[in-house]
N, C-alpha and C. Protein backbone atom coordinates (compact mmCIF):
# COMPACT_ATOMS: atom_id res chain seq x y z
N MET A 1 117.35 22.36 -25.61
CA MET A 1 117.40 21.74 -25.25
C MET A 1 116.22 20.73 -24.56
N ILE A 2 116.42 20.01 -25.05
CA ILE A 2 115.42 18.66 -25.03
C ILE A 2 115.56 17.84 -23.79
N LYS A 3 113.65 17.78 -22.84
CA LYS A 3 114.16 16.42 -21.69
C LYS A 3 113.74 15.75 -22.28
N VAL A 4 114.14 14.76 -21.69
CA VAL A 4 113.23 12.92 -21.38
C VAL A 4 113.54 12.25 -20.47
N ASN A 5 112.95 12.49 -20.07
CA ASN A 5 112.36 11.33 -18.67
C ASN A 5 112.35 10.18 -18.80
N LEU A 6 113.86 10.16 -18.45
CA LEU A 6 113.53 7.95 -18.50
C LEU A 6 113.29 7.71 -16.93
N LEU A 7 112.47 8.34 -16.03
CA LEU A 7 112.36 7.56 -15.27
C LEU A 7 110.89 7.48 -15.41
N PRO A 8 110.82 5.61 -14.05
CA PRO A 8 109.46 5.44 -14.56
C PRO A 8 107.58 6.38 -13.72
N GLY A 9 107.25 7.34 -14.63
CA GLY A 9 105.55 7.58 -13.75
C GLY A 9 104.98 6.89 -13.71
N LYS A 10 104.43 7.89 -12.67
CA LYS A 10 103.47 7.44 -12.31
C LYS A 10 101.50 8.07 -13.78
N ARG A 11 101.16 6.47 -14.14
CA ARG A 11 100.76 7.06 -15.35
C ARG A 11 99.53 6.92 -14.70
N LYS A 12 98.21 7.31 -15.61
CA LYS A 12 96.70 7.19 -14.60
C LYS A 12 96.72 6.41 -15.33
N LYS A 13 95.55 5.47 -15.22
CA LYS A 13 95.01 3.53 -15.46
C LYS A 13 93.94 4.14 -16.36
N LYS A 14 93.05 4.28 -16.96
CA LYS A 14 92.38 3.50 -17.61
C LYS A 14 90.84 3.53 -17.07
N ALA A 15 90.25 3.40 -17.34
CA ALA A 15 89.09 3.55 -16.12
C ALA A 15 87.85 2.22 -16.87
N LYS A 16 87.29 1.46 -16.99
CA LYS A 16 87.42 0.32 -16.67
C LYS A 16 85.44 0.34 -16.69
N PRO A 17 85.06 0.33 -18.78
CA PRO A 17 83.96 0.13 -19.65
C PRO A 17 83.01 -0.41 -18.21
N LEU A 18 82.02 0.09 -17.86
CA LEU A 18 80.61 -0.77 -16.96
C LEU A 18 80.32 -1.90 -17.61
N PRO A 19 80.44 -3.14 -16.93
CA PRO A 19 79.59 -3.91 -18.26
C PRO A 19 78.75 -4.45 -19.21
N SER A 20 78.18 -4.33 -19.33
CA SER A 20 76.23 -4.45 -20.36
C SER A 20 75.58 -4.59 -19.16
N PHE A 21 75.45 -5.66 -19.12
CA PHE A 21 74.62 -6.53 -17.98
C PHE A 21 74.18 -6.08 -16.99
N LEU A 22 75.26 -5.07 -16.60
CA LEU A 22 74.81 -3.63 -15.21
C LEU A 22 74.21 -3.13 -15.84
N ILE A 23 74.54 -2.46 -16.81
CA ILE A 23 73.91 -1.30 -17.86
C ILE A 23 72.26 -1.71 -17.93
N ALA A 24 72.32 -2.99 -18.58
CA ALA A 24 71.13 -3.41 -18.75
C ALA A 24 69.90 -3.40 -18.09
N THR A 25 70.65 -3.85 -16.28
CA THR A 25 70.39 -4.08 -15.34
C THR A 25 69.36 -2.97 -14.36
N ILE A 26 69.58 -2.33 -14.67
CA ILE A 26 70.20 -0.69 -14.39
C ILE A 26 68.59 -0.34 -14.72
N PHE A 27 68.69 -0.34 -15.56
CA PHE A 27 67.55 0.22 -16.61
C PHE A 27 67.09 -0.56 -16.94
N ILE A 28 66.72 -1.84 -17.06
CA ILE A 28 65.42 -3.07 -16.39
C ILE A 28 64.62 -2.71 -15.30
N THR A 29 65.45 -1.97 -13.46
CA THR A 29 65.36 -1.32 -13.09
C THR A 29 64.28 -0.49 -12.67
N LEU A 30 64.73 0.45 -13.03
CA LEU A 30 64.75 1.69 -12.57
C LEU A 30 63.02 2.04 -14.05
N GLY A 31 63.10 1.02 -15.32
CA GLY A 31 62.17 0.82 -16.56
C GLY A 31 61.20 0.45 -15.42
N THR A 32 60.90 -0.89 -14.46
CA THR A 32 60.16 -1.14 -14.12
C THR A 32 60.13 -0.39 -12.16
N ILE A 33 60.19 0.41 -11.85
CA ILE A 33 60.16 1.38 -10.51
C ILE A 33 59.08 2.37 -10.97
N ILE A 34 59.26 2.62 -12.36
CA ILE A 34 58.63 3.51 -13.05
C ILE A 34 57.35 3.31 -13.35
N VAL A 35 56.99 2.46 -13.72
CA VAL A 35 56.21 1.73 -14.30
C VAL A 35 54.86 1.06 -13.24
N ALA A 36 56.23 0.44 -12.14
CA ALA A 36 55.60 -0.05 -10.14
C ALA A 36 54.61 1.01 -10.14
N ALA A 37 55.12 2.53 -10.49
CA ALA A 37 54.65 3.66 -9.15
C ALA A 37 53.94 3.77 -10.70
N TYR A 38 53.33 3.80 -11.65
CA TYR A 38 52.50 5.05 -12.71
C TYR A 38 51.15 4.28 -12.31
N LEU A 39 51.05 2.68 -12.34
CA LEU A 39 51.00 1.71 -11.55
C LEU A 39 49.66 1.64 -10.64
N VAL A 40 50.74 2.30 -9.74
CA VAL A 40 50.38 2.65 -8.00
C VAL A 40 49.77 3.39 -8.47
N PHE A 41 50.04 4.68 -9.04
CA PHE A 41 49.37 5.67 -8.52
C PHE A 41 48.24 5.93 -9.74
N PHE A 42 47.78 5.08 -10.83
CA PHE A 42 46.73 5.19 -11.82
C PHE A 42 45.52 4.41 -11.04
N PHE A 43 46.21 3.03 -10.72
CA PHE A 43 44.78 2.34 -9.47
C PHE A 43 44.38 3.09 -8.44
N ASN A 44 45.24 3.90 -7.70
CA ASN A 44 44.72 3.97 -6.23
C ASN A 44 43.65 5.84 -6.92
N SER A 45 44.14 5.83 -8.54
CA SER A 45 42.79 7.67 -8.72
C SER A 45 41.85 6.88 -8.82
N ARG A 46 41.78 5.13 -10.14
CA ARG A 46 40.77 4.51 -10.49
C ARG A 46 40.26 4.24 -8.63
N LEU A 47 40.93 3.42 -8.31
CA LEU A 47 40.09 3.62 -6.49
C LEU A 47 39.51 4.59 -5.78
N SER A 48 39.98 5.52 -6.06
CA SER A 48 39.17 6.61 -5.30
C SER A 48 37.99 7.09 -6.12
N ALA A 49 39.14 7.31 -7.27
CA ALA A 49 37.51 7.76 -8.37
C ALA A 49 35.61 6.90 -7.90
N LYS A 50 35.65 5.63 -8.07
CA LYS A 50 34.97 4.41 -7.43
C LYS A 50 34.89 4.07 -6.08
N LYS A 51 35.72 5.41 -5.34
CA LYS A 51 35.22 5.04 -3.99
C LYS A 51 34.13 5.69 -4.09
N ASP A 52 34.57 7.34 -4.63
CA ASP A 52 34.56 8.43 -4.40
C ASP A 52 32.14 7.96 -5.20
N GLN A 53 32.45 7.23 -6.29
CA GLN A 53 31.71 6.65 -6.95
C GLN A 53 30.49 6.24 -6.36
N PHE A 54 30.51 5.58 -5.17
CA PHE A 54 29.93 4.69 -5.32
C PHE A 54 29.20 5.87 -3.40
N THR A 55 30.01 6.13 -3.31
CA THR A 55 29.51 7.51 -1.61
C THR A 55 28.82 8.10 -2.52
N ALA A 56 28.77 8.05 -4.03
CA ALA A 56 27.23 9.38 -4.72
C ALA A 56 26.32 8.67 -4.90
N ASN A 57 26.63 7.20 -5.04
CA ASN A 57 25.44 6.53 -5.33
C ASN A 57 24.69 5.76 -4.58
N GLU A 58 25.23 5.22 -2.81
CA GLU A 58 25.06 5.22 -2.06
C GLU A 58 23.19 6.61 -0.91
N LYS A 59 24.28 7.83 -1.37
CA LYS A 59 23.44 9.71 -1.20
C LYS A 59 22.17 8.61 -1.84
N LYS A 60 22.15 8.91 -2.89
CA LYS A 60 21.75 8.63 -4.16
C LYS A 60 20.64 8.03 -4.43
N ILE A 61 20.95 6.67 -3.30
CA ILE A 61 20.17 5.36 -3.38
C ILE A 61 19.15 5.45 -1.77
N ALA A 62 20.14 6.08 -0.63
CA ALA A 62 19.01 6.56 0.12
C ALA A 62 18.22 7.56 -0.05
N GLU A 63 18.90 8.09 -0.75
CA GLU A 63 17.27 9.85 -2.03
C GLU A 63 16.12 8.96 -1.84
N LEU A 64 16.16 8.40 -3.47
CA LEU A 64 15.60 7.45 -3.80
C LEU A 64 14.75 6.80 -2.51
N LYS A 65 15.71 6.19 -1.65
CA LYS A 65 14.37 5.02 -1.25
C LYS A 65 13.50 6.77 -0.32
N ALA A 66 14.27 7.62 0.16
CA ALA A 66 13.06 8.10 1.47
C ALA A 66 12.49 8.61 -0.33
N ARG A 67 12.30 9.01 -0.85
CA ARG A 67 11.40 9.37 -1.88
C ARG A 67 10.62 7.76 -1.94
N ILE A 68 11.04 6.47 -2.43
CA ILE A 68 9.66 6.13 -2.51
C ILE A 68 8.70 5.48 -1.28
N LYS A 69 9.71 5.93 -0.41
CA LYS A 69 8.57 6.40 0.92
C LYS A 69 7.52 7.07 1.61
N ALA A 70 7.79 8.09 0.65
CA ALA A 70 7.17 9.03 0.79
C ALA A 70 5.97 9.08 -0.32
N VAL A 71 6.63 8.26 -1.46
CA VAL A 71 5.10 8.13 -2.14
C VAL A 71 4.88 6.92 -1.70
N GLU A 72 5.16 5.65 -1.10
CA GLU A 72 3.85 5.35 -0.41
C GLU A 72 3.08 5.15 0.74
N ASN A 73 3.78 6.67 1.56
CA ASN A 73 3.27 7.15 2.78
C ASN A 73 1.44 7.80 1.60
N PHE A 74 2.23 8.10 0.98
CA PHE A 74 1.28 9.42 -0.18
C PHE A 74 0.50 8.20 -0.30
N GLU A 75 0.56 7.00 -1.51
CA GLU A 75 -0.78 6.35 -1.96
C GLU A 75 -1.39 5.92 -0.73
N GLN A 76 -0.65 5.11 0.09
CA GLN A 76 -1.78 5.11 1.58
C GLN A 76 -2.78 5.47 2.06
N ARG A 77 -1.68 7.49 2.32
CA ARG A 77 -2.70 8.38 2.46
C ARG A 77 -3.96 8.19 1.88
N ASN A 78 -3.58 8.26 0.43
CA ASN A 78 -4.57 8.10 -0.74
C ASN A 78 -5.29 6.90 -0.50
N LYS A 79 -5.44 5.97 -0.37
CA LYS A 79 -5.57 4.76 -0.65
C LYS A 79 -7.06 5.13 1.07
N THR A 80 -6.57 5.53 1.60
CA THR A 80 -7.35 5.35 3.09
C THR A 80 -8.60 6.66 2.00
N PHE A 81 -7.83 7.33 1.82
CA PHE A 81 -8.96 8.51 1.83
C PHE A 81 -9.78 8.34 1.17
N LYS A 82 -9.63 7.42 -0.18
CA LYS A 82 -10.81 6.47 -1.16
C LYS A 82 -12.31 5.68 -0.68
N GLN A 83 -11.34 5.28 0.63
CA GLN A 83 -12.07 4.23 0.84
C GLN A 83 -13.23 5.23 2.02
N ARG A 84 -12.57 6.14 2.34
CA ARG A 84 -13.06 7.48 3.47
C ARG A 84 -14.12 8.03 2.46
N ASN A 85 -13.34 7.66 1.70
CA ASN A 85 -14.83 9.05 0.43
C ASN A 85 -15.75 7.67 0.63
N GLU A 86 -14.86 7.07 0.10
CA GLU A 86 -16.87 5.30 -0.26
C GLU A 86 -17.49 5.54 0.34
N ILE A 87 -16.92 4.68 2.12
CA ILE A 87 -17.54 5.46 2.16
C ILE A 87 -18.90 6.47 2.65
N ILE A 88 -17.81 7.52 2.60
CA ILE A 88 -19.84 8.43 2.91
C ILE A 88 -20.14 8.38 1.66
N GLU A 89 -20.03 8.20 0.54
CA GLU A 89 -21.13 8.45 -0.94
C GLU A 89 -21.83 7.26 -0.20
N GLN A 90 -21.10 6.06 -0.35
CA GLN A 90 -22.37 5.38 0.45
C GLN A 90 -23.30 5.11 1.95
N LEU A 91 -23.41 6.00 3.18
CA LEU A 91 -23.45 6.65 3.97
C LEU A 91 -25.10 8.00 3.52
N SER A 92 -24.07 8.53 2.91
CA SER A 92 -25.49 9.37 1.78
C SER A 92 -26.61 8.73 1.03
N LYS A 93 -25.95 7.81 0.31
CA LYS A 93 -26.94 7.33 -0.64
C LYS A 93 -27.95 6.72 -0.01
N ASN A 94 -27.21 5.56 1.25
CA ASN A 94 -27.83 5.14 2.12
C ASN A 94 -29.20 5.70 3.20
N LYS A 95 -28.38 6.81 3.64
CA LYS A 95 -29.84 8.28 4.30
C LYS A 95 -30.53 8.14 4.33
N SER A 96 -31.10 7.70 3.33
CA SER A 96 -32.28 8.59 2.15
C SER A 96 -32.99 6.84 2.26
N VAL A 97 -32.75 5.81 2.60
CA VAL A 97 -33.21 4.89 2.16
C VAL A 97 -34.09 4.21 3.28
N PRO A 98 -33.62 4.06 4.76
CA PRO A 98 -34.74 4.37 5.97
C PRO A 98 -35.83 4.80 5.93
N VAL A 99 -35.55 5.90 4.99
CA VAL A 99 -37.49 7.21 4.54
C VAL A 99 -37.81 6.07 3.92
N LYS A 100 -36.72 6.38 2.14
CA LYS A 100 -38.05 5.21 2.50
C LYS A 100 -38.77 3.78 1.95
N ILE A 101 -37.86 3.63 2.85
CA ILE A 101 -39.11 2.17 3.97
C ILE A 101 -39.69 2.34 4.68
N LEU A 102 -39.24 3.21 5.13
CA LEU A 102 -41.32 3.70 6.42
C LEU A 102 -41.72 4.09 5.35
N ASP A 103 -41.66 4.94 4.78
CA ASP A 103 -43.39 5.57 3.84
C ASP A 103 -43.25 3.96 3.24
N GLU A 104 -43.10 3.32 2.53
CA GLU A 104 -43.64 2.60 1.53
C GLU A 104 -44.15 1.20 2.75
N VAL A 105 -43.98 0.73 3.95
CA VAL A 105 -44.19 0.88 5.03
C VAL A 105 -45.47 1.28 5.74
N SER A 106 -45.66 1.99 5.61
CA SER A 106 -46.57 2.84 5.99
C SER A 106 -47.55 3.32 4.95
N ALA A 107 -47.31 3.03 3.57
CA ALA A 107 -48.04 3.40 2.61
C ALA A 107 -49.05 1.57 2.56
N LEU A 108 -48.25 0.32 2.92
CA LEU A 108 -48.94 -0.71 3.04
C LEU A 108 -49.68 -0.64 3.98
N LEU A 109 -49.29 -0.17 5.24
CA LEU A 109 -50.05 -0.80 6.53
C LEU A 109 -51.30 -0.56 6.83
N PRO A 110 -52.51 -1.67 6.39
CA PRO A 110 -53.75 -1.10 7.15
C PRO A 110 -54.28 -0.72 7.75
N ASN A 111 -55.37 -0.18 8.05
CA ASN A 111 -56.50 -0.06 9.10
C ASN A 111 -56.18 -1.57 9.61
N GLY A 112 -56.17 -1.53 11.37
CA GLY A 112 -55.90 -2.31 12.11
C GLY A 112 -54.83 -3.28 12.83
N ILE A 113 -54.29 -2.63 11.90
CA ILE A 113 -52.50 -3.62 11.83
C ILE A 113 -51.76 -2.29 12.40
N TRP A 114 -51.22 -2.08 13.06
CA TRP A 114 -49.78 -1.46 14.11
C TRP A 114 -48.67 -1.67 14.38
N LEU A 115 -47.81 -1.41 14.23
CA LEU A 115 -46.50 -1.98 14.58
C LEU A 115 -45.26 -1.88 15.53
N ASN A 116 -44.28 -2.36 16.59
CA ASN A 116 -43.75 -1.83 17.56
C ASN A 116 -43.00 -2.12 17.21
N VAL A 117 -41.79 -2.76 15.88
CA VAL A 117 -40.55 -2.45 16.71
C VAL A 117 -40.50 -3.07 15.59
N MET A 118 -39.30 -1.62 14.17
CA MET A 118 -39.23 -1.90 13.59
C MET A 118 -37.48 -2.00 13.01
N THR A 119 -36.77 -3.41 12.74
CA THR A 119 -35.01 -3.57 13.32
C THR A 119 -34.55 -3.75 11.09
N VAL A 120 -33.82 -2.79 11.07
CA VAL A 120 -33.38 -3.49 9.58
C VAL A 120 -31.36 -3.09 10.14
N SER A 121 -31.28 -4.95 9.31
CA SER A 121 -29.76 -4.97 9.05
C SER A 121 -29.07 -4.93 7.43
N GLY A 122 -28.82 -3.78 7.40
CA GLY A 122 -28.89 -3.97 5.95
C GLY A 122 -29.33 -4.08 4.71
N GLU A 123 -29.14 -5.11 4.11
CA GLU A 123 -31.04 -5.55 2.99
C GLU A 123 -32.35 -6.06 4.28
N VAL A 124 -31.85 -6.31 5.36
CA VAL A 124 -33.62 -7.14 6.03
C VAL A 124 -34.18 -6.71 6.51
N ILE A 125 -35.12 -6.47 6.57
CA ILE A 125 -36.29 -5.59 7.85
C ILE A 125 -37.03 -6.95 8.56
N ASN A 126 -36.87 -6.64 9.70
CA ASN A 126 -37.23 -7.52 10.52
C ASN A 126 -39.10 -6.43 10.71
N LEU A 127 -40.15 -6.79 11.06
CA LEU A 127 -40.57 -6.16 11.50
C LEU A 127 -41.66 -7.09 12.71
N ASP A 128 -41.44 -6.33 13.44
CA ASP A 128 -42.45 -6.50 14.64
C ASP A 128 -43.84 -6.01 14.61
N GLY A 129 -45.46 -6.39 15.13
CA GLY A 129 -46.63 -6.07 15.15
C GLY A 129 -48.26 -6.50 15.67
N TYR A 130 -48.62 -5.78 15.33
CA TYR A 130 -50.24 -6.20 16.00
C TYR A 130 -50.87 -5.60 15.68
N GLY A 131 -52.02 -6.80 15.55
CA GLY A 131 -53.48 -6.29 14.42
C GLY A 131 -54.97 -6.93 15.94
N PHE A 132 -55.90 -6.16 14.65
CA PHE A 132 -56.84 -6.88 15.56
C PHE A 132 -57.57 -8.51 14.62
N THR A 133 -57.03 -8.64 14.00
CA THR A 133 -57.45 -10.32 13.41
C THR A 133 -56.37 -10.32 12.30
N ASN A 134 -56.03 -11.96 12.57
CA ASN A 134 -55.03 -12.47 11.42
C ASN A 134 -55.01 -12.64 10.15
N SER A 135 -56.50 -11.89 9.26
CA SER A 135 -56.52 -11.52 8.58
C SER A 135 -56.35 -9.80 7.86
N ASP A 136 -56.27 -9.07 8.76
CA ASP A 136 -55.43 -8.13 8.76
C ASP A 136 -54.05 -8.71 8.68
N ILE A 137 -53.57 -9.55 8.84
CA ILE A 137 -52.38 -8.92 9.64
C ILE A 137 -52.22 -10.08 8.27
N VAL A 138 -53.20 -11.25 7.45
CA VAL A 138 -52.14 -11.62 6.12
C VAL A 138 -52.58 -10.93 5.04
N SER A 139 -53.20 -9.46 4.71
CA SER A 139 -53.43 -9.01 4.31
C SER A 139 -52.31 -7.41 3.68
N PHE A 140 -51.50 -7.23 5.59
CA PHE A 140 -51.05 -7.05 5.29
C PHE A 140 -49.89 -8.04 5.00
N VAL A 141 -49.32 -8.17 4.44
CA VAL A 141 -47.94 -9.94 4.72
C VAL A 141 -48.17 -9.58 3.19
N ASP A 142 -49.69 -9.28 2.54
CA ASP A 142 -49.46 -9.88 0.58
C ASP A 142 -49.38 -8.45 0.17
N SER A 143 -49.81 -6.94 1.11
CA SER A 143 -49.56 -6.22 0.30
C SER A 143 -47.74 -6.50 0.44
N ILE A 144 -47.31 -6.24 1.56
CA ILE A 144 -45.91 -5.55 1.90
C ILE A 144 -45.18 -7.74 -0.12
N LYS A 145 -46.07 -8.56 -0.09
CA LYS A 145 -44.77 -8.70 -1.21
C LYS A 145 -45.54 -8.28 -2.54
N ASN A 146 -46.61 -7.62 -2.92
CA ASN A 146 -46.58 -7.19 -4.34
C ASN A 146 -46.40 -6.31 -3.85
N SER A 147 -45.46 -5.32 -3.43
CA SER A 147 -44.34 -4.38 -3.08
C SER A 147 -43.41 -4.58 -4.52
N LYS A 148 -42.73 -3.85 -5.21
CA LYS A 148 -41.75 -3.21 -5.64
C LYS A 148 -41.03 -3.09 -5.22
N MET A 149 -40.63 -2.76 -3.71
CA MET A 149 -39.26 -2.81 -3.09
C MET A 149 -38.89 -3.76 -1.77
N PHE A 150 -39.70 -4.75 -1.95
CA PHE A 150 -39.40 -6.08 -0.60
C PHE A 150 -39.10 -7.18 -1.88
N ALA A 151 -38.63 -7.72 -1.17
CA ALA A 151 -38.64 -9.16 -1.92
C ALA A 151 -38.42 -10.58 -0.54
N GLU A 152 -38.46 -11.02 -0.74
CA GLU A 152 -38.99 -12.62 -0.27
C GLU A 152 -39.15 -12.20 1.21
N VAL A 153 -40.21 -12.06 0.99
CA VAL A 153 -41.20 -11.39 2.68
C VAL A 153 -41.31 -13.29 2.81
N TYR A 154 -41.29 -13.37 4.52
CA TYR A 154 -41.65 -14.89 4.66
C TYR A 154 -41.80 -13.67 7.02
N LEU A 155 -43.07 -14.68 6.99
CA LEU A 155 -43.99 -14.31 7.76
C LEU A 155 -44.00 -15.69 8.66
N GLN A 156 -43.51 -14.77 9.81
CA GLN A 156 -41.68 -16.53 10.89
C GLN A 156 -43.27 -15.86 11.84
N GLU A 157 -44.16 -15.97 11.89
CA GLU A 157 -45.19 -15.58 13.69
C GLU A 157 -46.38 -15.14 14.10
N SER A 158 -46.86 -15.16 13.60
CA SER A 158 -48.91 -14.78 13.84
C SER A 158 -49.41 -15.71 15.28
N LYS A 159 -49.63 -14.93 16.59
CA LYS A 159 -50.38 -16.02 17.73
C LYS A 159 -51.09 -14.98 17.78
N SER A 160 -52.12 -15.71 18.45
CA SER A 160 -52.94 -15.44 19.46
C SER A 160 -52.42 -14.64 20.52
N ILE A 161 -53.19 -13.66 20.95
CA ILE A 161 -52.84 -12.42 22.67
C ILE A 161 -54.57 -12.26 23.37
N GLU A 162 -53.69 -11.70 24.22
CA GLU A 162 -54.74 -10.71 25.13
C GLU A 162 -53.55 -9.06 25.70
N ILE A 163 -54.39 -8.06 25.44
CA ILE A 163 -53.81 -7.05 26.33
C ILE A 163 -54.83 -6.28 26.70
N ASP A 164 -54.27 -7.00 28.16
CA ASP A 164 -56.31 -5.76 28.34
C ASP A 164 -57.00 -6.18 28.15
N LYS A 165 -57.98 -7.81 28.31
CA LYS A 165 -58.86 -8.00 28.08
C LYS A 165 -59.27 -7.55 26.23
N ILE A 166 -58.49 -7.61 25.90
CA ILE A 166 -58.43 -7.24 24.15
C ILE A 166 -58.05 -8.09 23.37
N PRO A 167 -58.23 -9.27 22.50
CA PRO A 167 -58.59 -10.31 21.42
C PRO A 167 -56.95 -9.64 21.08
N LEU A 168 -56.08 -10.34 21.13
CA LEU A 168 -55.20 -9.27 19.45
C LEU A 168 -53.66 -10.51 19.05
N TYR A 169 -53.52 -9.94 18.10
CA TYR A 169 -52.85 -11.97 17.11
C TYR A 169 -50.88 -10.29 17.53
N THR A 170 -50.76 -10.86 17.32
CA THR A 170 -49.09 -10.36 17.28
C THR A 170 -48.30 -11.57 16.01
N PHE A 171 -47.61 -10.66 15.66
CA PHE A 171 -47.04 -11.49 14.57
C PHE A 171 -45.48 -10.67 14.16
N LYS A 172 -44.35 -11.54 13.50
CA LYS A 172 -43.22 -10.77 13.56
C LYS A 172 -42.89 -11.10 12.25
N LEU A 173 -42.14 -10.02 11.01
CA LEU A 173 -42.48 -10.65 9.63
C LEU A 173 -40.67 -10.38 9.09
N THR A 174 -40.33 -11.21 8.44
CA THR A 174 -38.79 -10.92 7.81
C THR A 174 -39.32 -10.31 5.87
N PHE A 175 -38.50 -9.17 5.63
CA PHE A 175 -38.28 -10.58 3.91
C PHE A 175 -36.77 -8.41 4.12
N LYS A 176 -35.95 -8.70 3.11
CA LYS A 176 -35.85 -7.93 1.80
C LYS A 176 -35.49 -6.86 1.42
N LEU A 177 -34.97 -5.77 0.64
CA LEU A 177 -34.97 -5.24 0.62
C LEU A 177 -35.04 -5.65 -1.19
N LYS A 178 -35.59 -4.89 -2.14
CA LYS A 178 -35.42 -5.69 -3.61
C LYS A 178 -33.81 -4.42 -3.49
N ALA A 179 -32.34 -4.94 -4.69
CA ALA A 179 -31.44 -4.09 -4.62
C ALA A 179 -31.71 -3.48 -6.09
């Protein structure tokens, strides 16, 4: 036998499909969130890399500044060393000059003249001395003028004095050493 149910029964309603604009909005929102998360991650990683590179560059700059400082200190010490070395070389060259001056002056010194004071200041030489006659002094000045070692000879003073009742002449003579 066939049974037929004529009573109205409960029927299931069909689910209504979601509207298409709502689905599109959900996908766009999800896509935007994914893209934004990717961009945040990407830029954070680049920022972190740039910070690391900046820190490394700062360390390198500090290291290079230390090297530059060391080079400058070396250059300064080298300059000081060269100056001192030049001074020592100049002194070693000039240590024989006073001996040569004394040798030349003593060779040119005639009888009747003696020296009291001799000062050497650079190239300028000053002599103070005594002579028995003025002509002895003049011959001494002439011999200094004719010397190959001296130039610009100038007799500053020659005057008559008396020491222990002996008539003498005192003189002051200035000249320069030739280069």
